[in-house]
N, C-alpha and C. Protein backbone atom coordinates (compact mmCIF):
# COMPACT_ATOMS: atom_id res chain seq x y z
N UNK A 1 -46.11 48.66 77.53
CA UNK A 1 -47.11 48.18 76.60
C UNK A 1 -48.28 47.57 77.35
N UNK A 2 -47.96 46.89 78.46
CA UNK A 2 -49.01 46.25 79.25
C UNK A 2 -49.96 47.29 79.83
N UNK A 3 -49.44 48.47 80.24
CA UNK A 3 -50.28 49.52 80.81
C UNK A 3 -51.20 50.11 79.74
N UNK A 4 -50.69 50.27 78.51
CA UNK A 4 -51.50 50.80 77.42
C UNK A 4 -52.65 49.84 77.11
N UNK A 5 -52.35 48.54 77.06
CA UNK A 5 -53.39 47.54 76.80
C UNK A 5 -54.44 47.56 77.90
N UNK A 6 -54.00 47.67 79.16
CA UNK A 6 -54.93 47.72 80.29
C UNK A 6 -55.81 48.97 80.20
N UNK A 7 -55.18 50.12 79.88
CA UNK A 7 -55.93 51.38 79.78
C UNK A 7 -56.96 51.30 78.66
N UNK A 8 -56.56 50.72 77.52
CA UNK A 8 -57.48 50.56 76.40
C UNK A 8 -58.63 49.65 76.79
N UNK A 9 -58.33 48.55 77.47
CA UNK A 9 -59.38 47.63 77.91
C UNK A 9 -60.31 48.31 78.91
N UNK A 10 -59.77 49.15 79.79
CA UNK A 10 -60.59 49.86 80.76
C UNK A 10 -61.53 50.84 80.06
N UNK A 11 -61.02 51.57 79.07
CA UNK A 11 -61.86 52.50 78.32
C UNK A 11 -62.97 51.75 77.60
N UNK A 12 -62.64 50.63 76.97
CA UNK A 12 -63.65 49.85 76.26
C UNK A 12 -64.68 49.27 77.21
N UNK A 13 -64.24 48.83 78.38
CA UNK A 13 -65.16 48.24 79.35
C UNK A 13 -66.08 49.28 79.97
N UNK A 14 -65.55 50.46 80.27
CA UNK A 14 -66.39 51.49 80.89
C UNK A 14 -67.21 52.21 79.84
N UNK A 15 -66.80 52.12 78.62
CA UNK A 15 -67.59 52.67 77.53
C UNK A 15 -67.27 54.11 77.20
N UNK A 16 -66.99 54.32 75.95
CA UNK A 16 -66.90 55.67 75.44
C UNK A 16 -68.29 55.98 74.92
N UNK A 17 -68.65 57.22 74.93
CA UNK A 17 -69.96 57.51 74.38
C UNK A 17 -70.00 57.09 72.91
N UNK A 18 -71.05 56.43 72.53
CA UNK A 18 -71.20 56.00 71.14
C UNK A 18 -71.57 57.18 70.28
N UNK A 19 -71.86 56.93 69.03
CA UNK A 19 -72.25 58.02 68.16
C UNK A 19 -73.57 58.62 68.64
N UNK A 20 -73.69 59.93 68.47
CA UNK A 20 -74.93 60.60 68.86
C UNK A 20 -76.07 60.02 68.03
N UNK A 21 -77.24 59.93 68.63
CA UNK A 21 -78.37 59.30 67.96
C UNK A 21 -79.48 60.26 67.61
N UNK A 22 -79.32 61.51 67.90
CA UNK A 22 -80.35 62.48 67.56
C UNK A 22 -80.69 63.37 68.74
N UNK A 23 -81.80 64.11 68.61
CA UNK A 23 -82.19 65.04 69.66
C UNK A 23 -82.39 64.34 71.01
N UNK A 24 -82.01 65.02 72.08
CA UNK A 24 -82.10 64.48 73.43
C UNK A 24 -83.54 64.53 73.94
N UNK A 25 -84.08 63.40 74.41
CA UNK A 25 -85.44 63.40 74.96
C UNK A 25 -85.58 64.47 76.06
N UNK A 26 -86.67 65.23 75.98
CA UNK A 26 -86.93 66.29 76.95
C UNK A 26 -86.19 67.59 76.68
N UNK A 27 -85.32 67.62 75.68
CA UNK A 27 -84.52 68.82 75.39
C UNK A 27 -85.29 69.84 74.58
N UNK A 28 -84.94 71.10 74.77
CA UNK A 28 -85.49 72.19 73.96
C UNK A 28 -84.35 72.75 73.12
N UNK A 29 -84.59 72.89 71.82
CA UNK A 29 -83.56 73.31 70.87
C UNK A 29 -83.90 74.67 70.30
N UNK A 30 -82.91 75.55 70.29
CA UNK A 30 -83.03 76.90 69.75
C UNK A 30 -82.08 76.99 68.56
N UNK A 31 -82.63 77.09 67.35
CA UNK A 31 -81.82 77.21 66.14
C UNK A 31 -81.99 78.63 65.59
N UNK A 32 -80.91 79.41 65.60
CA UNK A 32 -80.96 80.76 65.03
C UNK A 32 -80.90 80.63 63.51
N UNK A 33 -81.84 81.27 62.82
CA UNK A 33 -81.91 81.19 61.36
C UNK A 33 -80.81 82.07 60.77
N UNK A 34 -80.02 81.46 59.87
CA UNK A 34 -78.91 82.16 59.22
C UNK A 34 -79.20 82.53 57.77
N UNK A 35 -80.01 81.71 57.09
CA UNK A 35 -80.31 81.99 55.68
C UNK A 35 -81.66 81.39 55.31
N UNK A 36 -82.21 81.92 54.23
CA UNK A 36 -83.50 81.45 53.73
C UNK A 36 -83.50 81.58 52.21
N UNK A 37 -83.83 80.50 51.52
CA UNK A 37 -83.85 80.51 50.06
C UNK A 37 -85.15 79.87 49.56
N UNK A 38 -85.45 80.09 48.29
CA UNK A 38 -86.58 79.43 47.65
C UNK A 38 -86.14 79.00 46.26
N UNK A 39 -86.57 77.80 45.86
CA UNK A 39 -86.27 77.27 44.52
C UNK A 39 -87.56 76.72 43.92
N UNK A 40 -87.67 76.84 42.61
CA UNK A 40 -88.84 76.33 41.89
C UNK A 40 -88.40 75.23 40.95
N UNK A 41 -89.15 74.15 40.91
CA UNK A 41 -88.89 73.06 39.98
C UNK A 41 -90.13 72.83 39.13
N UNK A 42 -90.00 72.97 37.83
CA UNK A 42 -91.09 72.74 36.87
C UNK A 42 -92.35 73.51 37.25
N UNK A 43 -92.19 74.81 37.53
CA UNK A 43 -93.30 75.67 37.95
C UNK A 43 -93.48 76.84 37.00
N UNK A 44 -94.72 77.27 36.90
CA UNK A 44 -95.05 78.46 36.14
C UNK A 44 -94.27 79.66 36.67
N UNK A 45 -93.84 80.53 35.76
CA UNK A 45 -93.26 81.80 36.19
C UNK A 45 -94.19 82.95 35.85
N UNK A 46 -95.47 82.62 35.69
CA UNK A 46 -96.50 83.63 35.44
C UNK A 46 -96.50 84.58 36.64
N UNK A 47 -96.42 85.90 36.40
CA UNK A 47 -96.22 86.87 37.50
C UNK A 47 -97.24 86.78 38.63
N UNK A 48 -98.53 86.62 38.35
CA UNK A 48 -99.50 86.58 39.45
C UNK A 48 -99.32 85.32 40.31
N UNK A 49 -98.74 84.27 39.75
CA UNK A 49 -98.46 83.06 40.52
C UNK A 49 -97.21 83.25 41.38
N UNK A 50 -96.15 83.79 40.79
CA UNK A 50 -94.86 83.88 41.49
C UNK A 50 -94.73 85.07 42.44
N UNK A 51 -95.51 86.13 42.20
CA UNK A 51 -95.31 87.36 42.98
C UNK A 51 -95.37 87.16 44.49
N UNK A 52 -96.26 86.31 44.98
CA UNK A 52 -96.39 86.13 46.42
C UNK A 52 -95.49 85.06 47.01
N UNK A 53 -94.70 84.41 46.19
CA UNK A 53 -93.84 83.31 46.67
C UNK A 53 -92.43 83.82 46.90
N UNK A 54 -92.05 83.86 48.15
CA UNK A 54 -90.74 84.37 48.55
C UNK A 54 -90.09 83.41 49.54
N UNK A 55 -88.79 83.57 49.78
CA UNK A 55 -88.17 82.79 50.87
C UNK A 55 -88.86 83.14 52.19
N UNK A 56 -88.74 82.25 53.16
CA UNK A 56 -89.30 82.51 54.49
C UNK A 56 -88.57 83.73 55.06
N UNK A 57 -89.30 84.79 55.45
CA UNK A 57 -88.63 85.97 55.99
C UNK A 57 -88.00 85.68 57.36
N UNK A 58 -86.88 86.34 57.63
CA UNK A 58 -86.24 86.17 58.94
C UNK A 58 -85.43 87.41 59.28
N UNK A 59 -85.14 87.56 60.57
CA UNK A 59 -84.30 88.65 61.08
C UNK A 59 -83.18 88.01 61.90
N UNK A 60 -82.31 88.84 62.48
CA UNK A 60 -81.22 88.29 63.30
C UNK A 60 -81.76 87.63 64.57
N UNK A 61 -83.01 87.89 64.91
CA UNK A 61 -83.62 87.28 66.10
C UNK A 61 -84.65 86.22 65.74
N UNK A 62 -84.56 85.62 64.56
CA UNK A 62 -85.48 84.56 64.16
C UNK A 62 -84.91 83.21 64.55
N UNK A 63 -85.75 82.40 65.18
CA UNK A 63 -85.34 81.09 65.65
C UNK A 63 -86.36 80.03 65.28
N UNK A 64 -85.89 78.82 65.05
CA UNK A 64 -86.73 77.63 64.98
C UNK A 64 -86.54 76.96 66.34
N UNK A 65 -87.64 76.80 67.09
CA UNK A 65 -87.54 76.26 68.45
C UNK A 65 -88.51 75.09 68.59
N UNK A 66 -88.02 73.99 69.14
CA UNK A 66 -88.89 72.85 69.43
C UNK A 66 -88.42 72.14 70.69
N UNK A 67 -89.38 71.44 71.29
CA UNK A 67 -89.09 70.63 72.48
C UNK A 67 -89.30 69.18 72.11
N UNK A 68 -88.33 68.34 72.44
CA UNK A 68 -88.40 66.91 72.17
C UNK A 68 -89.18 66.25 73.31
N UNK A 69 -90.11 65.37 72.94
CA UNK A 69 -90.90 64.65 73.94
C UNK A 69 -89.98 63.80 74.81
N UNK A 70 -90.46 63.48 76.00
CA UNK A 70 -89.65 62.68 76.94
C UNK A 70 -89.29 61.31 76.39
N UNK A 71 -90.12 60.77 75.47
CA UNK A 71 -89.80 59.46 74.89
C UNK A 71 -88.89 59.59 73.66
N UNK A 72 -88.60 60.82 73.22
CA UNK A 72 -87.70 61.05 72.09
C UNK A 72 -88.30 60.75 70.73
N UNK A 73 -89.59 60.43 70.66
CA UNK A 73 -90.21 60.03 69.40
C UNK A 73 -90.74 61.21 68.59
N UNK A 74 -91.08 62.31 69.26
CA UNK A 74 -91.64 63.47 68.57
C UNK A 74 -91.05 64.76 69.14
N UNK A 75 -91.28 65.84 68.41
CA UNK A 75 -90.90 67.18 68.87
C UNK A 75 -92.04 68.12 68.53
N UNK A 76 -92.24 69.13 69.37
CA UNK A 76 -93.32 70.09 69.20
C UNK A 76 -92.75 71.50 69.20
N UNK A 77 -93.21 72.33 68.25
CA UNK A 77 -92.75 73.72 68.19
C UNK A 77 -93.10 74.45 69.48
N UNK A 78 -92.29 75.46 69.80
CA UNK A 78 -92.46 76.23 71.03
C UNK A 78 -92.45 77.72 70.72
N UNK A 79 -93.17 78.49 71.53
CA UNK A 79 -93.09 79.95 71.53
C UNK A 79 -92.32 80.34 72.78
N UNK A 80 -91.25 81.13 72.60
CA UNK A 80 -90.39 81.48 73.73
C UNK A 80 -90.18 82.99 73.77
N UNK A 81 -90.08 83.54 74.97
CA UNK A 81 -89.83 84.97 75.12
C UNK A 81 -88.34 85.29 75.16
N UNK A 82 -87.52 84.27 75.40
CA UNK A 82 -86.06 84.45 75.39
C UNK A 82 -85.40 83.08 75.16
N UNK A 83 -84.09 83.05 75.06
CA UNK A 83 -83.36 81.81 74.81
C UNK A 83 -83.20 81.01 76.10
N UNK A 84 -84.33 80.58 76.64
CA UNK A 84 -84.37 79.85 77.90
C UNK A 84 -85.59 78.94 77.84
N UNK A 85 -85.38 77.65 77.99
CA UNK A 85 -86.49 76.69 77.91
C UNK A 85 -87.60 77.01 78.90
N UNK A 86 -87.26 77.62 80.03
CA UNK A 86 -88.27 77.97 81.04
C UNK A 86 -89.23 79.04 80.53
N UNK A 87 -88.82 79.81 79.51
CA UNK A 87 -89.68 80.87 78.97
C UNK A 87 -90.58 80.37 77.84
N UNK A 88 -90.50 79.09 77.51
CA UNK A 88 -91.22 78.55 76.36
C UNK A 88 -92.58 77.96 76.74
N UNK A 89 -93.52 78.09 75.82
CA UNK A 89 -94.83 77.46 75.96
C UNK A 89 -95.17 76.81 74.62
N UNK A 90 -95.99 75.78 74.69
CA UNK A 90 -96.48 75.15 73.46
C UNK A 90 -97.61 76.02 72.92
N UNK A 91 -97.54 76.45 71.66
CA UNK A 91 -98.60 77.30 71.11
C UNK A 91 -99.93 76.56 71.00
N UNK A 92 -101.00 77.31 70.79
CA UNK A 92 -102.33 76.72 70.68
C UNK A 92 -102.41 75.71 69.53
N UNK A 93 -101.72 75.99 68.43
CA UNK A 93 -101.71 75.07 67.28
C UNK A 93 -100.26 74.74 66.92
N UNK A 94 -99.62 73.86 67.70
CA UNK A 94 -98.21 73.56 67.44
C UNK A 94 -98.04 72.64 66.23
N UNK A 95 -96.84 72.68 65.67
CA UNK A 95 -96.46 71.69 64.66
C UNK A 95 -95.76 70.56 65.40
N UNK A 96 -96.14 69.32 65.07
CA UNK A 96 -95.54 68.15 65.71
C UNK A 96 -94.74 67.39 64.67
N UNK A 97 -93.49 67.08 64.99
CA UNK A 97 -92.58 66.38 64.09
C UNK A 97 -92.28 64.99 64.63
N UNK A 98 -92.17 64.02 63.73
CA UNK A 98 -91.69 62.68 64.09
C UNK A 98 -90.17 62.72 64.02
N UNK A 99 -89.52 62.01 64.94
CA UNK A 99 -88.06 62.00 65.00
C UNK A 99 -87.53 60.63 64.62
N UNK A 100 -86.54 60.63 63.71
CA UNK A 100 -85.82 59.42 63.35
C UNK A 100 -84.35 59.82 63.22
N UNK A 101 -83.54 59.40 64.19
CA UNK A 101 -82.13 59.79 64.17
C UNK A 101 -81.99 61.29 64.30
N UNK A 102 -81.34 61.91 63.31
CA UNK A 102 -81.12 63.36 63.32
C UNK A 102 -82.15 64.11 62.49
N UNK A 103 -83.22 63.43 62.05
CA UNK A 103 -84.24 64.05 61.21
C UNK A 103 -85.56 64.19 61.94
N UNK A 104 -86.18 65.34 61.77
CA UNK A 104 -87.52 65.61 62.26
C UNK A 104 -88.38 65.84 61.02
N UNK A 105 -89.51 65.16 60.92
CA UNK A 105 -90.33 65.27 59.72
C UNK A 105 -91.81 65.43 60.07
N UNK A 106 -92.52 66.10 59.17
CA UNK A 106 -93.97 66.20 59.25
C UNK A 106 -94.50 66.51 57.86
N UNK A 107 -95.76 66.17 57.63
CA UNK A 107 -96.42 66.45 56.36
C UNK A 107 -97.81 66.99 56.63
N UNK A 108 -98.27 67.82 55.71
CA UNK A 108 -99.61 68.38 55.82
C UNK A 108 -100.08 68.75 54.42
N UNK A 109 -101.38 68.65 54.19
CA UNK A 109 -101.95 69.02 52.91
C UNK A 109 -102.93 70.16 53.10
N UNK A 110 -102.82 71.16 52.24
CA UNK A 110 -103.72 72.32 52.26
C UNK A 110 -104.44 72.40 50.92
N UNK A 111 -105.65 72.91 50.94
CA UNK A 111 -106.37 73.20 49.70
C UNK A 111 -106.81 74.65 49.74
N UNK A 112 -106.58 75.33 48.62
CA UNK A 112 -106.99 76.73 48.50
C UNK A 112 -107.82 76.91 47.24
N UNK A 113 -108.89 77.69 47.33
CA UNK A 113 -109.70 77.93 46.13
C UNK A 113 -108.93 78.79 45.13
N UNK A 114 -109.24 78.58 43.88
CA UNK A 114 -108.67 79.39 42.81
C UNK A 114 -109.75 80.36 42.37
N UNK A 115 -109.41 81.62 42.34
CA UNK A 115 -110.38 82.67 42.03
C UNK A 115 -111.09 82.41 40.71
N UNK A 116 -112.41 82.61 40.69
CA UNK A 116 -113.27 82.45 39.51
C UNK A 116 -113.24 81.04 38.95
N UNK A 117 -113.11 80.03 39.84
CA UNK A 117 -113.04 78.64 39.39
C UNK A 117 -113.53 77.73 40.51
N UNK A 118 -114.02 76.54 40.12
CA UNK A 118 -114.36 75.54 41.13
C UNK A 118 -113.16 74.62 41.40
N UNK A 119 -112.06 74.88 40.73
CA UNK A 119 -110.82 74.11 40.91
C UNK A 119 -110.12 74.56 42.19
N UNK A 120 -109.49 73.62 42.87
CA UNK A 120 -108.75 73.91 44.10
C UNK A 120 -107.26 73.65 43.86
N UNK A 121 -106.42 74.48 44.46
CA UNK A 121 -104.98 74.25 44.44
C UNK A 121 -104.64 73.45 45.69
N UNK A 122 -104.19 72.22 45.50
CA UNK A 122 -103.81 71.35 46.61
C UNK A 122 -102.30 71.43 46.77
N UNK A 123 -101.87 71.60 48.01
CA UNK A 123 -100.45 71.75 48.31
C UNK A 123 -100.07 70.72 49.37
N UNK A 124 -99.27 69.73 48.98
CA UNK A 124 -98.76 68.75 49.94
C UNK A 124 -97.40 69.25 50.41
N UNK A 125 -97.31 69.59 51.70
CA UNK A 125 -96.09 70.17 52.26
C UNK A 125 -95.38 69.14 53.12
N UNK A 126 -94.13 68.87 52.79
CA UNK A 126 -93.28 67.96 53.56
C UNK A 126 -92.18 68.80 54.19
N UNK A 127 -92.08 68.74 55.52
CA UNK A 127 -91.06 69.50 56.24
C UNK A 127 -90.04 68.54 56.83
N UNK A 128 -88.78 68.88 56.67
CA UNK A 128 -87.69 68.06 57.22
C UNK A 128 -86.65 68.97 57.86
N UNK A 129 -86.39 68.72 59.14
CA UNK A 129 -85.31 69.40 59.85
C UNK A 129 -84.21 68.37 60.05
N UNK A 130 -83.00 68.69 59.60
CA UNK A 130 -81.87 67.78 59.76
C UNK A 130 -80.83 68.47 60.65
N UNK A 131 -80.53 67.84 61.77
CA UNK A 131 -79.50 68.33 62.68
C UNK A 131 -78.16 67.74 62.27
N UNK A 132 -77.13 68.58 62.28
CA UNK A 132 -75.78 68.12 61.96
C UNK A 132 -74.82 68.85 62.89
N UNK A 133 -74.63 68.28 64.08
CA UNK A 133 -73.80 68.95 65.07
C UNK A 133 -74.47 70.21 65.54
N UNK A 134 -73.81 71.34 65.32
CA UNK A 134 -74.37 72.63 65.74
C UNK A 134 -75.05 73.36 64.58
N UNK A 135 -75.25 72.66 63.46
CA UNK A 135 -75.91 73.24 62.29
C UNK A 135 -77.18 72.48 61.98
N UNK A 136 -78.10 73.16 61.33
CA UNK A 136 -79.32 72.49 60.89
C UNK A 136 -79.76 73.05 59.55
N UNK A 137 -80.47 72.20 58.81
CA UNK A 137 -81.18 72.64 57.61
C UNK A 137 -82.65 72.31 57.82
N UNK A 138 -83.51 73.15 57.32
CA UNK A 138 -84.95 72.99 57.45
C UNK A 138 -85.52 73.18 56.06
N UNK A 139 -86.02 72.10 55.46
CA UNK A 139 -86.61 72.17 54.13
C UNK A 139 -88.11 72.05 54.21
N UNK A 140 -88.80 72.94 53.52
CA UNK A 140 -90.24 72.90 53.37
C UNK A 140 -90.50 72.70 51.88
N UNK A 141 -90.91 71.51 51.50
CA UNK A 141 -91.12 71.18 50.10
C UNK A 141 -92.61 71.10 49.83
N UNK A 142 -93.09 71.95 48.93
CA UNK A 142 -94.50 71.99 48.56
C UNK A 142 -94.67 71.41 47.16
N UNK A 143 -95.55 70.43 47.04
CA UNK A 143 -95.87 69.83 45.75
C UNK A 143 -97.30 70.22 45.42
N UNK A 144 -97.48 70.87 44.27
CA UNK A 144 -98.78 71.42 43.91
C UNK A 144 -99.52 70.55 42.90
N UNK A 145 -100.83 70.45 43.08
CA UNK A 145 -101.71 69.80 42.11
C UNK A 145 -103.02 70.57 42.07
N UNK A 146 -103.75 70.40 40.99
CA UNK A 146 -105.07 71.00 40.85
C UNK A 146 -106.10 69.91 41.05
N UNK A 147 -107.11 70.17 41.90
CA UNK A 147 -108.08 69.13 42.25
C UNK A 147 -109.51 69.67 42.31
N UNK A 148 -110.41 68.74 42.44
CA UNK A 148 -111.83 68.97 42.75
C UNK A 148 -112.71 69.43 41.59
N UNK A 149 -112.17 69.62 40.41
CA UNK A 149 -113.00 70.00 39.27
C UNK A 149 -112.38 69.49 37.98
N UNK A 150 -112.86 68.32 37.50
CA UNK A 150 -112.30 67.76 36.27
C UNK A 150 -112.51 68.66 35.04
N UNK A 151 -113.46 69.60 35.13
CA UNK A 151 -113.67 70.48 33.97
C UNK A 151 -112.90 71.79 34.10
N UNK A 152 -112.89 72.41 35.29
CA UNK A 152 -112.21 73.69 35.47
C UNK A 152 -110.69 73.57 35.59
N UNK A 153 -110.20 72.52 36.23
CA UNK A 153 -108.75 72.41 36.47
C UNK A 153 -107.92 72.39 35.19
N UNK A 154 -108.32 71.63 34.16
CA UNK A 154 -107.53 71.69 32.92
C UNK A 154 -107.51 73.10 32.30
N UNK A 155 -108.61 73.84 32.44
CA UNK A 155 -108.65 75.21 31.92
C UNK A 155 -107.71 76.13 32.71
N UNK A 156 -107.67 75.96 34.03
CA UNK A 156 -106.77 76.75 34.87
C UNK A 156 -105.32 76.46 34.48
N UNK A 157 -104.99 75.18 34.34
CA UNK A 157 -103.61 74.79 33.99
C UNK A 157 -103.22 75.32 32.61
N UNK A 158 -104.10 75.18 31.62
CA UNK A 158 -103.75 75.66 30.27
C UNK A 158 -103.64 77.19 30.25
N UNK A 159 -104.48 77.89 31.04
CA UNK A 159 -104.37 79.35 31.13
C UNK A 159 -103.04 79.78 31.73
N UNK A 160 -102.62 79.09 32.79
CA UNK A 160 -101.32 79.41 33.39
C UNK A 160 -100.18 79.16 32.40
N UNK A 161 -100.24 78.03 31.70
CA UNK A 161 -99.19 77.71 30.72
C UNK A 161 -99.14 78.77 29.63
N UNK A 162 -100.31 79.19 29.17
CA UNK A 162 -100.39 80.17 28.09
C UNK A 162 -99.81 81.53 28.53
N UNK A 163 -100.01 81.89 29.81
CA UNK A 163 -99.55 83.19 30.31
C UNK A 163 -98.16 83.16 30.94
N UNK A 164 -97.53 81.99 30.97
CA UNK A 164 -96.21 81.86 31.59
C UNK A 164 -95.11 82.00 30.56
N UNK A 165 -94.15 82.88 30.80
CA UNK A 165 -93.02 82.99 29.88
C UNK A 165 -92.30 81.65 29.66
N UNK A 166 -92.27 80.79 30.71
CA UNK A 166 -91.59 79.50 30.55
C UNK A 166 -92.53 78.40 30.05
N UNK A 167 -93.81 78.71 29.83
CA UNK A 167 -94.75 77.74 29.28
C UNK A 167 -95.19 76.65 30.24
N UNK A 168 -94.91 76.81 31.53
CA UNK A 168 -95.28 75.78 32.51
C UNK A 168 -96.49 76.22 33.33
N UNK A 169 -97.17 75.23 33.91
CA UNK A 169 -98.30 75.48 34.79
C UNK A 169 -97.92 75.19 36.23
N UNK A 170 -98.92 74.72 37.02
CA UNK A 170 -98.65 74.40 38.42
C UNK A 170 -98.80 72.92 38.72
N UNK A 171 -99.38 72.17 37.82
CA UNK A 171 -99.58 70.74 38.05
C UNK A 171 -98.22 70.06 38.20
N UNK A 172 -97.95 69.52 39.40
CA UNK A 172 -96.67 68.86 39.68
C UNK A 172 -95.55 69.81 40.05
N UNK A 173 -95.85 71.08 40.17
CA UNK A 173 -94.85 72.09 40.55
C UNK A 173 -94.29 71.77 41.94
N UNK A 174 -92.99 71.91 42.10
CA UNK A 174 -92.33 71.69 43.40
C UNK A 174 -91.65 72.99 43.81
N UNK A 175 -92.02 73.47 45.00
CA UNK A 175 -91.42 74.69 45.56
C UNK A 175 -90.67 74.29 46.82
N UNK A 176 -89.38 74.59 46.86
CA UNK A 176 -88.55 74.22 48.01
C UNK A 176 -88.06 75.47 48.70
N UNK A 177 -88.46 75.61 49.96
CA UNK A 177 -87.95 76.68 50.81
C UNK A 177 -86.95 76.03 51.77
N UNK A 178 -85.80 76.64 51.91
CA UNK A 178 -84.76 76.06 52.77
C UNK A 178 -84.23 77.12 53.73
N UNK A 179 -84.18 76.74 55.00
CA UNK A 179 -83.56 77.57 56.04
C UNK A 179 -82.32 76.86 56.53
N UNK A 180 -81.30 77.62 56.88
CA UNK A 180 -80.16 77.05 57.59
C UNK A 180 -80.08 77.75 58.94
N UNK A 181 -79.48 77.07 59.90
CA UNK A 181 -79.39 77.67 61.22
C UNK A 181 -78.26 77.09 62.03
N UNK A 182 -78.01 77.76 63.17
CA UNK A 182 -76.98 77.31 64.10
C UNK A 182 -77.61 77.17 65.48
N UNK A 183 -77.13 76.18 66.21
CA UNK A 183 -77.64 75.91 67.55
C UNK A 183 -77.18 76.98 68.53
N UNK A 184 -78.09 77.47 69.32
CA UNK A 184 -77.77 78.47 70.35
C UNK A 184 -77.91 77.86 71.71
């Protein structure tokens, strides 16, 4: 019994690795995409609106790749010619994610003109990558609003509602694209 107590004390004193805290500073991660889905919440199903909205396309060679900064606070997307960090370069316009534990996050807002209108479609995109051991999920959540024209935007919204089988427009529409992947 005395030897077991000593061995336990030795393990505690020398330290077992604690719980993992997230991506390793300076590491490059290759996540092979396994699936891609899209979901709509409170959105118009008017055909001209929905026709171009699909899950993120992928093949058996599609990867989400990023390099964690040396301080571990951020990660930047990478372009790689093979599954080797030495083959990777930071693209001209990389996406930069903030890291907190096992989550990488970023947000961006886009505005697109609406045809035959002074109204703009504003899209607030929130991206979250969650690492879970050798698996990851990557959610791209787009929240839509109509902006820049107090007179045209209500007409655009009512036209969409009128032409939508489900009677909904785009104001407050949430589109969620989700990828799953495995670490390579």
